[in-house]
Amino acid sequence: MISGAGYFQPLKSAGNYLLWMALLALLVLAGGYCAYTMEHEGHHITGMNNSIVWGLPHVFAISLILAASGALNGATLSSVFGNKTYSPYARLSVVLSICLLIGGLIVLVLDLGRPDRLAVALTTYNFKSIFSWNIFLYTGFIAVGVLYLATMLEKSLQRFTQTMGVVALIWRIVLTTGTGSIFGFLVGRSALDSAILAPLFIALSLVMGSAVLALVMTWAGRWQSQTVSARTQHSFVRLLLWCVLAVLYFSIVHHLTNLYVAEHQSDEHNVLKGAFAVLFWFSHLALLGIVAALAFALKQGEGYLSTMKWHAVCAVSLIACTMILYAVIIGSQSTPQLLFPDKTITASTFGDGGIGPYLPSVWEWGLGIGGTALSLLLFGVVLRVLPITSTTQS
């Protein structure tokens, strides 16, 4: 029997909860219609082409998957590292991570073009492909998350919470490494082809997951007529500061390495000075601004950040990290691919000699937003069913 009365309880339907759920449901239906339309009309109605085969839905999917890994920060810090500040949010952290991963996988499956063949992908494996490895990592993450949550909910299993926390911590690191390696192992794309993408994706997951968790904590607290304490916000400031610094560090190392390696220099110049320069510089300058803001907040002490300021910091963090992912995923495909090493192509009618154009269509936006809405809708439903939200402030 699930326990949790007293300290934890299901979310009470109050305020604008039902309105938010209805809005999310409409967005999910719109996303489903977009996916249905792309499935039946074909990808020619999207902005994707022979150069850009992974479009905006992939950016949404990878963002949700990385955020799912990072959203476990609250539970990990509580049960593995003994930080009691996050104990009231540990269950919420696990539920959020599972829901985000489900939403990301739904977008990924629908974007690949043949969701009807999902059963084949789940039963036929090519272990030379990292895509096959990630099937086990994603499904295993959900299973580990469910078991982790069960140890928190059931009193008789709570002695295993720390053990499951360690398992979940290891699994999320491996999962995010695998997700980054999907791109880092693509030797045919010289803009990628770097092992540093794995730790960069881990750092991105920490920032995105922490930001989403902070926003959800605030919203859930409002529905419970509670506020996140200044102490908790101050702790999150320190956490987010170090995570953003990690993103900047690995990103700088990645781009300096590409500038050093001769075969990657043309692709790197396109990122720094070409079509994606605005995205690159804006995202990194935004992260530098966040570092300055968080450092100033730490200097001012607890209670300095108002809820509005905190929401702004988290929102900018999410936008900046998503823009970095966009530049990595879309930018790497737009650059000319070296099909014949050590050979000179004297003529080509394929159009593979320049930067590949890409403009996301409304169908791609609809699918990505619908998958994100599905994650939040599932999360809201679970909060109403299980004793996830804390009745006391940290």
Protein backbone atom coordinates (compact mmCIF):
# COMPACT_ATOMS: atom_id res chain seq x y z
CA MET A 1 0.00 0.00 0.00
CA ILE A 2 1.36 3.42 -0.96
CA SER A 3 1.98 5.66 1.98
CA GLY A 4 2.66 9.34 2.14
CA ALA A 5 -0.11 10.95 4.17
CA GLY A 6 0.92 13.86 6.32
CA TYR A 7 4.23 14.92 4.87
CA PHE A 8 3.29 14.27 1.25
CA GLN A 9 -0.11 14.34 -0.41
CA PRO A 10 -1.69 14.40 -3.87
CA LEU A 11 -2.00 17.84 -5.41
CA LYS A 12 -5.23 19.61 -4.56
CA SER A 13 -7.14 20.93 -7.54
CA ALA A 14 -7.04 24.64 -6.82
CA GLY A 15 -6.59 27.92 -8.62
CA ASN A 16 -5.95 27.60 -12.34
CA TYR A 17 -4.87 23.94 -12.29
CA LEU A 18 -7.80 22.69 -14.41
CA LEU A 19 -7.34 25.56 -16.86
CA TRP A 20 -3.67 24.63 -17.33
CA MET A 21 -4.57 20.95 -17.82
CA ALA A 22 -7.17 21.85 -20.45
CA LEU A 23 -4.69 24.08 -22.29
CA LEU A 24 -2.03 21.34 -22.24
CA ALA A 25 -4.56 18.80 -23.53
CA LEU A 26 -5.39 21.09 -26.46
CA LEU A 27 -1.69 21.46 -27.28
CA VAL A 28 -1.28 17.67 -27.17
CA LEU A 29 -4.20 17.25 -29.60
CA ALA A 30 -2.69 19.87 -31.90
CA GLY A 31 0.67 18.08 -31.75
CA GLY A 32 -1.02 14.78 -32.57
CA TYR A 33 -2.71 16.37 -35.59
CA CYS A 34 0.64 17.74 -36.78
CA ALA A 35 2.24 14.31 -36.43
CA TYR A 36 -0.71 12.70 -38.28
CA THR A 37 -0.42 15.23 -41.10
CA MET A 38 3.33 14.73 -41.52
CA GLU A 39 2.88 10.95 -41.45
CA HIS A 40 0.28 10.98 -44.23
CA GLU A 41 1.52 13.87 -46.37
CA GLY A 42 5.22 13.11 -46.07
CA HIS A 43 8.15 15.15 -44.87
CA HIS A 44 8.01 17.37 -47.92
CA ILE A 45 5.56 19.59 -45.99
CA THR A 46 8.23 20.22 -43.36
CA GLY A 47 11.34 22.33 -43.63
CA MET A 48 13.52 19.22 -43.66
CA ASN A 49 15.35 18.17 -46.82
CA ASN A 50 18.17 15.96 -48.05
CA SER A 51 20.67 18.03 -46.06
CA ILE A 52 18.70 18.58 -42.86
CA VAL A 53 17.20 15.19 -42.01
CA TRP A 54 16.93 15.87 -38.25
CA GLY A 55 14.88 19.01 -37.86
CA LEU A 56 13.27 21.05 -35.11
CA PRO A 57 11.35 18.07 -33.58
CA HIS A 58 14.72 16.45 -32.92
CA VAL A 59 15.82 19.58 -31.06
CA PHE A 60 12.66 19.36 -28.94
CA ALA A 61 13.15 15.63 -28.36
CA ILE A 62 16.81 15.89 -27.33
CA SER A 63 16.02 18.91 -25.13
CA LEU A 64 13.32 16.95 -23.31
CA ILE A 65 15.57 13.90 -22.91
CA LEU A 66 18.41 16.00 -21.50
CA ALA A 67 16.01 17.88 -19.22
CA ALA A 68 14.68 14.53 -18.00
CA SER A 69 18.17 13.47 -16.96
CA GLY A 70 18.89 16.78 -15.27
CA ALA A 71 15.51 16.95 -13.52
CA LEU A 72 16.71 14.13 -11.26
CA ASN A 73 19.04 16.63 -9.58
CA GLY A 74 16.56 17.21 -6.75
CA ALA A 75 16.19 13.52 -5.91
CA THR A 76 19.89 12.77 -6.36
CA LEU A 77 21.04 15.61 -4.12
CA SER A 78 18.55 14.51 -1.47
CA SER A 79 18.95 10.74 -1.34
CA VAL A 80 22.52 10.23 -2.60
CA PHE A 81 24.34 13.31 -1.29
CA GLY A 82 22.22 13.89 1.80
CA ASN A 83 21.19 17.47 1.03
CA LYS A 84 17.98 17.78 3.06
CA THR A 85 17.05 21.06 1.36
CA TYR A 86 15.77 19.05 -1.61
CA SER A 87 14.02 16.28 0.35
CA PRO A 88 10.52 17.81 -0.06
CA TYR A 89 11.05 17.86 -3.83
CA ALA A 90 12.64 14.43 -4.34
CA ARG A 91 9.45 12.66 -5.43
CA LEU A 92 8.46 15.55 -7.65
CA SER A 93 11.93 15.41 -9.23
CA VAL A 94 11.63 11.72 -10.14
CA VAL A 95 8.10 12.06 -11.57
CA LEU A 96 9.13 15.08 -13.63
CA SER A 97 12.14 13.26 -15.10
CA ILE A 98 10.03 10.26 -16.18
CA CYS A 99 7.36 12.47 -17.76
CA LEU A 100 9.91 14.58 -19.64
CA LEU A 101 11.59 11.47 -21.03
CA ILE A 102 8.25 10.02 -22.20
CA GLY A 103 7.41 13.29 -23.98
CA GLY A 104 10.84 13.41 -25.63
CA LEU A 105 10.60 9.81 -26.83
CA ILE A 106 7.11 10.39 -28.25
CA VAL A 107 8.41 13.32 -30.31
CA LEU A 108 11.42 11.26 -31.40
CA VAL A 109 9.30 8.30 -32.52
CA LEU A 110 6.79 10.46 -34.41
CA ASP A 111 9.53 12.50 -36.08
CA LEU A 112 11.38 9.50 -37.47
CA GLY A 113 8.59 8.92 -39.96
CA ARG A 114 7.54 5.30 -39.32
CA PRO A 115 5.99 5.01 -35.84
CA ASP A 116 4.14 1.92 -37.05
CA ARG A 117 7.50 0.11 -37.13
CA LEU A 118 8.33 0.91 -33.51
CA ALA A 119 7.85 -2.75 -32.54
CA VAL A 120 10.58 -3.69 -35.04
CA ALA A 121 12.98 -1.19 -33.50
CA LEU A 122 12.24 -2.56 -30.02
CA THR A 123 12.79 -6.20 -31.00
CA THR A 124 15.55 -6.05 -33.62
CA TYR A 125 18.93 -4.74 -32.53
CA ASN A 126 22.15 -3.82 -34.24
CA PHE A 127 24.62 -3.53 -31.39
CA LYS A 128 27.13 -1.82 -33.66
CA SER A 129 24.76 1.13 -33.68
CA ILE A 130 24.56 3.51 -30.73
CA PHE A 131 20.87 3.99 -31.54
CA SER A 132 20.25 0.42 -30.40
CA TRP A 133 22.15 1.07 -27.17
CA ASN A 134 19.96 4.09 -26.45
CA ILE A 135 16.76 2.04 -26.68
CA PHE A 136 17.95 0.12 -23.61
CA LEU A 137 19.14 3.31 -21.90
CA TYR A 138 15.82 5.13 -22.38
CA THR A 139 13.53 2.27 -21.40
CA GLY A 140 15.87 1.36 -18.54
CA PHE A 141 15.78 4.95 -17.28
CA ILE A 142 11.99 4.82 -17.01
CA ALA A 143 12.15 1.47 -15.19
CA VAL A 144 14.81 2.74 -12.77
CA GLY A 145 12.80 5.91 -12.20
CA VAL A 146 9.64 3.95 -11.38
CA LEU A 147 11.53 1.73 -8.91
CA TYR A 148 13.23 4.80 -7.42
CA LEU A 149 9.84 6.44 -6.91
CA ALA A 150 8.40 3.27 -5.40
CA THR A 151 11.10 3.22 -2.71
CA MET A 152 10.10 6.77 -1.77
CA LEU A 153 6.37 6.07 -1.70
CA GLU A 154 6.34 2.74 0.15
CA LYS A 155 7.57 2.84 3.75
CA SER A 156 8.78 -0.77 3.68
CA LEU A 157 11.02 0.03 0.69
CA GLN A 158 12.46 3.33 1.89
CA ARG A 159 15.64 1.63 3.11
CA PHE A 160 16.48 1.06 -0.58
CA THR A 161 16.00 4.69 -1.59
CA GLN A 162 19.68 5.61 -1.39
CA THR A 163 20.70 2.51 -3.34
CA MET A 164 18.20 3.26 -6.09
CA GLY A 165 19.38 6.87 -6.04
CA VAL A 166 22.92 5.73 -6.80
CA VAL A 167 21.64 3.45 -9.59
CA ALA A 168 19.60 6.32 -11.04
CA LEU A 169 22.60 8.67 -10.86
CA ILE A 170 24.83 6.23 -12.74
CA TRP A 171 22.08 5.46 -15.26
CA ARG A 172 21.37 9.10 -16.04
CA ILE A 173 25.06 9.81 -16.62
CA VAL A 174 25.34 6.82 -18.98
CA LEU A 175 22.09 7.82 -20.73
CA THR A 176 23.21 11.39 -21.33
CA THR A 177 26.62 10.18 -22.45
CA GLY A 178 24.89 7.90 -24.95
CA THR A 179 22.71 10.74 -26.22
CA GLY A 180 25.75 12.98 -26.74
CA SER A 181 27.65 10.13 -28.34
CA ILE A 182 24.93 9.74 -31.00
CA PHE A 183 26.28 12.97 -32.44
CA GLY A 184 29.89 12.63 -31.32
CA PHE A 185 30.27 9.28 -33.12
CA LEU A 186 29.09 10.67 -36.48
CA VAL A 187 32.51 10.79 -38.11
CA GLY A 188 30.90 11.69 -41.44
CA ARG A 189 29.90 15.06 -39.99
CA SER A 190 33.07 16.97 -39.29
CA ALA A 191 31.13 19.61 -37.34
CA LEU A 192 30.40 16.85 -34.81
CA ASP A 193 32.88 13.94 -34.62
CA SER A 194 34.07 14.83 -31.11
CA ALA A 195 34.07 12.90 -27.85
CA ILE A 196 33.69 16.22 -25.98
CA LEU A 197 30.01 16.28 -27.00
CA ALA A 198 29.24 13.64 -24.36
CA PRO A 199 30.31 15.75 -21.34
CA LEU A 200 28.84 18.85 -23.03
CA PHE A 201 25.46 17.11 -23.20
CA ILE A 202 25.79 16.09 -19.55
CA ALA A 203 26.43 19.72 -18.59
CA LEU A 204 23.49 20.88 -20.74
CA SER A 205 21.24 18.32 -19.04
CA LEU A 206 22.22 19.61 -15.61
CA VAL A 207 21.31 23.20 -16.54
CA MET A 208 18.08 22.37 -18.38
CA GLY A 209 16.90 19.86 -15.80
CA SER A 210 17.63 22.18 -12.89
CA ALA A 211 15.83 25.07 -14.59
CA VAL A 212 12.72 22.99 -15.39
CA LEU A 213 12.67 21.55 -11.88
CA ALA A 214 12.90 25.01 -10.32
CA LEU A 215 9.99 26.30 -12.43
CA VAL A 216 7.83 23.25 -11.69
CA MET A 217 8.59 23.48 -7.97
CA THR A 218 7.30 27.05 -7.97
CA TRP A 219 4.14 26.21 -9.91
CA ALA A 220 3.34 23.16 -7.78
CA GLY A 221 3.91 25.24 -4.66
CA ARG A 222 1.45 27.86 -5.87
CA TRP A 223 -1.20 25.21 -6.44
CA GLN A 224 -0.57 24.08 -2.84
CA SER A 225 -0.67 27.70 -1.60
CA GLN A 226 3.01 27.45 -0.67
CA THR A 227 6.17 29.23 -1.79
CA VAL A 228 9.68 27.91 -2.32
CA SER A 229 11.79 29.09 0.60
CA ALA A 230 14.65 31.56 0.16
CA ARG A 231 17.03 28.87 1.42
CA THR A 232 15.99 26.48 -1.36
CA GLN A 233 16.22 29.17 -4.02
CA HIS A 234 19.69 30.13 -2.78
CA SER A 235 20.78 26.50 -2.97
CA PHE A 236 19.46 26.27 -6.53
CA VAL A 237 21.38 29.45 -7.42
CA ARG A 238 24.64 27.77 -6.42
CA LEU A 239 23.72 24.58 -8.28
CA LEU A 240 22.70 26.39 -11.46
CA LEU A 241 25.80 28.61 -11.37
CA TRP A 242 28.19 25.64 -11.40
CA CYS A 243 26.15 23.84 -14.08
CA VAL A 244 26.19 26.89 -16.38
CA LEU A 245 29.94 27.26 -15.87
CA ALA A 246 30.35 23.59 -16.87
CA VAL A 247 28.37 24.19 -20.09
CA LEU A 248 30.54 27.18 -20.97
CA TYR A 249 33.73 25.26 -20.24
CA PHE A 250 32.91 22.22 -22.38
CA SER A 251 31.51 24.38 -25.18
CA ILE A 252 34.68 26.49 -25.29
CA VAL A 253 36.88 23.36 -25.31
CA HIS A 254 34.75 21.83 -28.08
CA HIS A 255 35.00 24.86 -30.36
CA LEU A 256 38.69 25.52 -29.65
CA THR A 257 39.41 21.89 -30.54
CA ASN A 258 37.53 22.26 -33.83
CA LEU A 259 39.46 25.44 -34.62
CA TYR A 260 42.73 23.61 -33.96
CA VAL A 261 41.92 20.58 -36.15
CA ALA A 262 42.37 21.57 -39.80
CA GLU A 263 39.60 19.36 -41.21
CA HIS A 264 37.03 20.97 -38.87
CA GLN A 265 38.00 24.59 -39.36
CA SER A 266 35.62 25.41 -42.22
CA ASP A 267 32.65 24.01 -40.29
CA GLU A 268 33.72 25.90 -37.18
CA HIS A 269 33.98 29.17 -39.09
CA ASN A 270 30.38 28.62 -40.24
CA VAL A 271 29.30 28.31 -36.61
CA LEU A 272 31.26 31.33 -35.42
CA LYS A 273 30.79 33.66 -38.40
CA GLY A 274 28.21 32.09 -40.70
CA ALA A 275 24.52 31.21 -40.69
CA PHE A 276 24.44 30.10 -37.05
CA ALA A 277 26.68 32.80 -35.60
CA VAL A 278 23.76 34.74 -34.09
CA LEU A 279 22.47 31.64 -32.29
CA PHE A 280 25.95 30.74 -31.08
CA TRP A 281 26.95 34.13 -29.74
CA PHE A 282 23.55 35.01 -28.28
CA SER A 283 23.29 31.71 -26.39
CA HIS A 284 26.79 31.96 -24.95
CA LEU A 285 26.48 35.63 -24.06
CA ALA A 286 23.17 34.83 -22.39
CA LEU A 287 24.86 32.13 -20.31
CA LEU A 288 27.64 34.54 -19.37
CA GLY A 289 24.97 37.00 -18.27
CA ILE A 290 23.35 34.29 -16.16
CA VAL A 291 26.70 33.56 -14.50
CA ALA A 292 27.06 37.23 -13.61
CA ALA A 293 23.48 37.44 -12.33
CA LEU A 294 23.79 34.29 -10.21
CA ALA A 295 27.16 35.35 -8.81
CA PHE A 296 25.64 38.70 -7.82
CA ALA A 297 22.66 36.93 -6.24
CA LEU A 298 24.98 34.75 -4.17
CA LYS A 299 26.86 37.82 -3.00
CA GLN A 300 23.61 39.47 -1.90
CA GLY A 301 22.61 36.42 0.15
CA GLU A 302 19.35 34.52 0.69
CA GLY A 303 16.11 36.23 -0.13
CA TYR A 304 17.56 38.46 -2.87
CA LEU A 305 15.99 36.68 -5.84
CA SER A 306 12.27 37.36 -6.21
CA THR A 307 10.10 34.73 -7.89
CA MET A 308 9.94 36.79 -11.08
CA LYS A 309 13.73 37.14 -11.23
CA TRP A 310 14.17 33.43 -10.54
CA HIS A 311 11.74 32.49 -13.31
CA ALA A 312 13.57 34.81 -15.72
CA VAL A 313 16.93 33.21 -14.92
CA CYS A 314 15.54 29.69 -15.44
CA ALA A 315 13.76 30.66 -18.67
CA VAL A 316 16.88 32.27 -20.16
CA SER A 317 18.92 29.21 -19.16
CA LEU A 318 16.49 26.92 -20.99
CA ILE A 319 16.39 29.12 -24.09
CA ALA A 320 20.17 29.48 -24.26
CA CYS A 321 20.82 25.75 -23.87
CA THR A 322 18.14 24.90 -26.44
CA MET A 323 19.78 27.32 -28.89
CA ILE A 324 23.11 25.57 -28.34
CA LEU A 325 21.43 22.25 -29.13
CA TYR A 326 19.84 23.77 -32.24
CA ALA A 327 23.24 24.94 -33.44
CA VAL A 328 24.76 21.52 -32.75
CA ILE A 329 21.99 19.44 -34.36
CA ILE A 330 20.87 21.65 -37.25
CA GLY A 331 24.14 23.52 -37.80
CA SER A 332 26.17 20.34 -38.12
CA GLN A 333 23.85 19.07 -40.88
CA SER A 334 23.76 22.33 -42.82
CA THR A 335 27.48 22.35 -43.51
CA PRO A 336 28.69 20.47 -46.63
CA GLN A 337 29.43 16.82 -45.97
CA LEU A 338 32.74 15.36 -47.14
CA LEU A 339 31.52 12.36 -49.14
CA PHE A 340 34.77 11.53 -50.92
CA PRO A 341 37.86 12.19 -48.77
CA ASP A 342 41.01 13.20 -50.67
CA LYS A 343 38.95 13.66 -53.85
CA THR A 344 37.92 16.84 -55.66
CA ILE A 345 34.31 17.02 -56.85
CA THR A 346 34.38 18.75 -60.22
CA ALA A 347 30.61 18.75 -60.83
CA SER A 348 27.45 18.00 -58.89
CA THR A 349 23.73 18.57 -59.47
CA PHE A 350 22.73 17.45 -55.98
CA GLY A 351 23.30 20.82 -54.35
CA ASP A 352 25.76 19.51 -51.76
CA GLY A 353 28.38 22.18 -52.19
CA GLY A 354 26.95 24.91 -49.99
CA ILE A 355 25.13 25.57 -46.73
CA GLY A 356 21.89 23.60 -46.53
CA PRO A 357 18.86 25.88 -46.02
CA TYR A 358 16.34 25.06 -43.33
CA LEU A 359 13.22 26.82 -42.07
CA PRO A 360 11.06 24.84 -39.60
CA SER A 361 7.42 24.49 -40.63
CA VAL A 362 4.38 24.95 -38.44
CA TRP A 363 3.96 21.14 -38.39
CA GLU A 364 7.37 20.72 -36.77
CA TRP A 365 6.65 23.41 -34.22
CA GLY A 366 3.31 21.77 -33.46
CA LEU A 367 4.85 18.33 -32.92
CA GLY A 368 7.59 19.67 -30.65
CA ILE A 369 5.27 21.82 -28.57
CA GLY A 370 2.73 18.99 -28.39
CA GLY A 371 5.36 16.59 -27.02
CA THR A 372 6.42 19.14 -24.41
CA ALA A 373 2.77 19.67 -23.45
CA LEU A 374 2.32 15.90 -23.14
CA SER A 375 5.16 15.73 -20.62
CA LEU A 376 3.63 18.47 -18.49
CA LEU A 377 0.12 16.99 -18.83
CA LEU A 378 1.32 13.59 -17.60
CA PHE A 379 3.15 15.30 -14.78
CA GLY A 380 0.05 17.21 -13.73
CA VAL A 381 -2.07 14.06 -13.75
CA VAL A 382 0.43 12.11 -11.62
CA LEU A 383 0.53 14.94 -9.09
CA ARG A 384 -3.23 14.60 -8.66
CA VAL A 385 -3.04 10.83 -8.12
CA LEU A 386 0.07 10.11 -6.04
CA PRO A 387 1.35 11.77 -2.83
CA ILE A 388 4.15 13.68 -4.53
CA THR A 389 3.90 17.25 -3.27
CA SER A 390 5.17 18.17 0.18
CA THR A 391 2.84 19.72 2.74
CA THR A 392 5.71 21.54 4.45
CA GLN A 393 8.25 24.04 3.22
CA SER A 394 11.97 23.24 3.02
